[in-house]
Amino acid sequence: MSKIKSLSPLRFFSCLFFSISLQLVPGLGDNSSSNGNKDATKKSSNWLEILLILFGLLAAVAFSVFLYKLWQRKKRDEQHSRLLKLFEQDDDLELELGIRD
């Protein structure tokens, strides 16, 4: 239980997503029905499940990259505003000391 609390929310939800998606992989989930007539439909549904899992993983990776780029942009804007604020304070100091008109 303590490991779940130390995970970031993004890691927690990605672990939860992967654990749920692994249940859909053929042979890993609990499949108690063993009917011989449904083999043809199971093969097509297995491929559909695999494609859905791959699409979900691709969407999760794309969303993670988007969030990372958004975080980088926010961080860069904060640093830029701090730099501008630093130079604005220096200009005010020069005016107060009478160095510049």
C-alpha atoms as a PDB file:
ATOM      1  CA  MET A   1       0.000   0.000   0.000  1.00  0.00           C
ATOM      2  CA  SER A   2       2.860   2.400   0.693  1.00  0.00           C
ATOM      3  CA  LYS A   3       4.229   2.045  -2.835  1.00  0.00           C
ATOM      4  CA  ILE A   4       0.950   3.227  -4.336  1.00  0.00           C
ATOM      5  CA  LYS A   5       1.049   6.391  -2.246  1.00  0.00           C
ATOM      6  CA  SER A   6       4.573   7.217  -3.416  1.00  0.00           C
ATOM      7  CA  LEU A   7       3.681   6.911  -7.113  1.00  0.00           C
ATOM      8  CA  SER A   8       2.811  10.018  -9.054  1.00  0.00           C
ATOM      9  CA  PRO A   9      -0.764  10.138 -10.362  1.00  0.00           C
ATOM     10  CA  LEU A  10       0.404   9.674 -13.956  1.00  0.00           C
ATOM     11  CA  ARG A  11       2.378   6.552 -13.072  1.00  0.00           C
ATOM     12  CA  PHE A  12      -0.459   5.192 -10.984  1.00  0.00           C
ATOM     13  CA  PHE A  13      -2.999   5.550 -13.781  1.00  0.00           C
ATOM     14  CA  SER A  14      -0.602   4.156 -16.380  1.00  0.00           C
ATOM     15  CA  CYS A  15       0.054   1.097 -14.169  1.00  0.00           C
ATOM     16  CA  LEU A  16      -3.675   0.695 -13.674  1.00  0.00           C
ATOM     17  CA  PHE A  17      -4.295   0.977 -17.429  1.00  0.00           C
ATOM     18  CA  PHE A  18      -1.611  -1.580 -18.273  1.00  0.00           C
ATOM     19  CA  SER A  19      -2.832  -4.049 -15.674  1.00  0.00           C
ATOM     20  CA  ILE A  20      -6.375  -3.813 -17.010  1.00  0.00           C
ATOM     21  CA  SER A  21      -5.229  -4.080 -20.624  1.00  0.00           C
ATOM     22  CA  LEU A  22      -3.203  -7.209 -19.832  1.00  0.00           C
ATOM     23  CA  GLN A  23      -6.452  -8.933 -18.889  1.00  0.00           C
ATOM     24  CA  LEU A  24      -7.560  -8.553 -22.503  1.00  0.00           C
ATOM     25  CA  VAL A  25      -4.491 -10.280 -23.961  1.00  0.00           C
ATOM     26  CA  PRO A  26      -5.421 -13.782 -25.088  1.00  0.00           C
ATOM     27  CA  GLY A  27      -4.159 -16.450 -22.724  1.00  0.00           C
ATOM     28  CA  LEU A  28      -3.504 -14.082 -19.822  1.00  0.00           C
ATOM     29  CA  GLY A  29      -7.061 -13.359 -18.730  1.00  0.00           C
ATOM     30  CA  ASP A  30      -9.405 -15.829 -17.044  1.00  0.00           C
ATOM     31  CA  ASN A  31     -11.249 -17.592 -19.843  1.00  0.00           C
ATOM     32  CA  SER A  32     -13.452 -20.300 -18.380  1.00  0.00           C
ATOM     33  CA  SER A  33     -15.534 -21.000 -21.517  1.00  0.00           C
ATOM     34  CA  SER A  34     -14.058 -23.677 -23.781  1.00  0.00           C
ATOM     35  CA  ASN A  35     -16.512 -23.983 -26.634  1.00  0.00           C
ATOM     36  CA  GLY A  36     -15.132 -25.396 -29.922  1.00  0.00           C
ATOM     37  CA  ASN A  37     -17.700 -23.631 -32.133  1.00  0.00           C
ATOM     38  CA  LYS A  38     -16.560 -20.148 -31.227  1.00  0.00           C
ATOM     39  CA  ASP A  39     -12.920 -20.541 -32.315  1.00  0.00           C
ATOM     40  CA  ALA A  40     -13.360 -18.603 -35.566  1.00  0.00           C
ATOM     41  CA  THR A  41     -15.072 -15.675 -33.872  1.00  0.00           C
ATOM     42  CA  LYS A  42     -12.562 -15.743 -31.001  1.00  0.00           C
ATOM     43  CA  LYS A  43      -9.642 -15.343 -33.417  1.00  0.00           C
ATOM     44  CA  SER A  44     -11.176 -12.248 -34.990  1.00  0.00           C
ATOM     45  CA  SER A  45     -12.136 -10.818 -31.605  1.00  0.00           C
ATOM     46  CA  ASN A  46      -8.626 -11.522 -30.296  1.00  0.00           C
ATOM     47  CA  TRP A  47      -7.146  -9.453 -33.118  1.00  0.00           C
ATOM     48  CA  LEU A  48      -9.651  -6.722 -32.411  1.00  0.00           C
ATOM     49  CA  GLU A  49      -8.676  -6.732 -28.731  1.00  0.00           C
ATOM     50  CA  ILE A  50      -4.988  -6.565 -29.619  1.00  0.00           C
ATOM     51  CA  LEU A  51      -5.601  -3.645 -31.971  1.00  0.00           C
ATOM     52  CA  LEU A  52      -7.623  -1.850 -29.309  1.00  0.00           C
ATOM     53  CA  ILE A  53      -4.851  -2.371 -26.761  1.00  0.00           C
ATOM     54  CA  LEU A  54      -2.222  -1.063 -29.176  1.00  0.00           C
ATOM     55  CA  PHE A  55      -4.395   1.948 -29.983  1.00  0.00           C
ATOM     56  CA  GLY A  56      -4.873   2.599 -26.278  1.00  0.00           C
ATOM     57  CA  LEU A  57      -1.143   2.381 -25.642  1.00  0.00           C
ATOM     58  CA  LEU A  58      -0.451   4.727 -28.536  1.00  0.00           C
ATOM     59  CA  ALA A  59      -3.017   7.184 -27.198  1.00  0.00           C
ATOM     60  CA  ALA A  60      -1.496   6.965 -23.690  1.00  0.00           C
ATOM     61  CA  VAL A  61       2.004   7.614 -25.036  1.00  0.00           C
ATOM     62  CA  ALA A  62       0.795  10.508 -27.185  1.00  0.00           C
ATOM     63  CA  PHE A  63      -1.040  12.022 -24.218  1.00  0.00           C
ATOM     64  CA  SER A  64       2.057  11.644 -22.035  1.00  0.00           C
ATOM     65  CA  VAL A  65       4.228  13.369 -24.643  1.00  0.00           C
ATOM     66  CA  PHE A  66       1.652  16.156 -24.923  1.00  0.00           C
ATOM     67  CA  LEU A  67       1.629  16.671 -21.151  1.00  0.00           C
ATOM     68  CA  TYR A  68       5.450  16.670 -21.053  1.00  0.00           C
ATOM     69  CA  LYS A  69       5.667  19.282 -23.812  1.00  0.00           C
ATOM     70  CA  LEU A  70       3.027  21.384 -22.054  1.00  0.00           C
ATOM     71  CA  TRP A  71       5.006  21.158 -18.801  1.00  0.00           C
ATOM     72  CA  GLN A  72       8.213  22.162 -20.609  1.00  0.00           C
ATOM     73  CA  ARG A  73       6.506  25.175 -22.185  1.00  0.00           C
ATOM     74  CA  LYS A  74       5.099  26.274 -18.825  1.00  0.00           C
ATOM     75  CA  LYS A  75       8.496  25.906 -17.164  1.00  0.00           C
ATOM     76  CA  ARG A  76      10.195  27.850 -19.970  1.00  0.00           C
ATOM     77  CA  ASP A  77       7.625  30.665 -19.716  1.00  0.00           C
ATOM     78  CA  GLU A  78       8.140  30.869 -15.941  1.00  0.00           C
ATOM     79  CA  GLN A  79      11.909  31.110 -16.373  1.00  0.00           C
ATOM     80  CA  HIS A  80      11.524  33.749 -19.066  1.00  0.00           C
ATOM     81  CA  SER A  81       9.229  35.853 -16.879  1.00  0.00           C
ATOM     82  CA  ARG A  82      11.674  35.544 -13.963  1.00  0.00           C
ATOM     83  CA  LEU A  83      14.496  36.731 -16.218  1.00  0.00           C
ATOM     84  CA  LEU A  84      12.465  39.696 -17.442  1.00  0.00           C
ATOM     85  CA  LYS A  85      11.514  40.575 -13.875  1.00  0.00           C
ATOM     86  CA  LEU A  86      15.176  40.472 -12.867  1.00  0.00           C
ATOM     87  CA  PHE A  87      16.139  42.979 -15.563  1.00  0.00           C
ATOM     88  CA  GLU A  88      13.152  45.222 -14.787  1.00  0.00           C
ATOM     89  CA  GLN A  89      14.306  45.489 -11.172  1.00  0.00           C
ATOM     90  CA  ASP A  90      17.812  46.490 -12.305  1.00  0.00           C
ATOM     91  CA  ASP A  91      16.393  49.283 -14.473  1.00  0.00           C
ATOM     92  CA  ASP A  92      14.416  50.657 -11.520  1.00  0.00           C
ATOM     93  CA  LEU A  93      17.552  50.578  -9.381  1.00  0.00           C
ATOM     94  CA  GLU A  94      19.511  52.566 -11.969  1.00  0.00           C
ATOM     95  CA  LEU A  95      16.775  55.194 -12.106  1.00  0.00           C
ATOM     96  CA  GLU A  96      16.695  55.478  -8.323  1.00  0.00           C
ATOM     97  CA  LEU A  97      20.443  55.929  -8.090  1.00  0.00           C
ATOM     98  CA  GLY A  98      20.412  58.573 -10.846  1.00  0.00           C
ATOM     99  CA  ILE A  99      22.745  56.613 -13.067  1.00  0.00           C
ATOM    100  CA  ARG A 100      20.276  56.730 -15.946  1.00  0.00           C
ATOM    101  CA  ASP A 101      17.622  59.281 -16.851  1.00  0.00           C
END
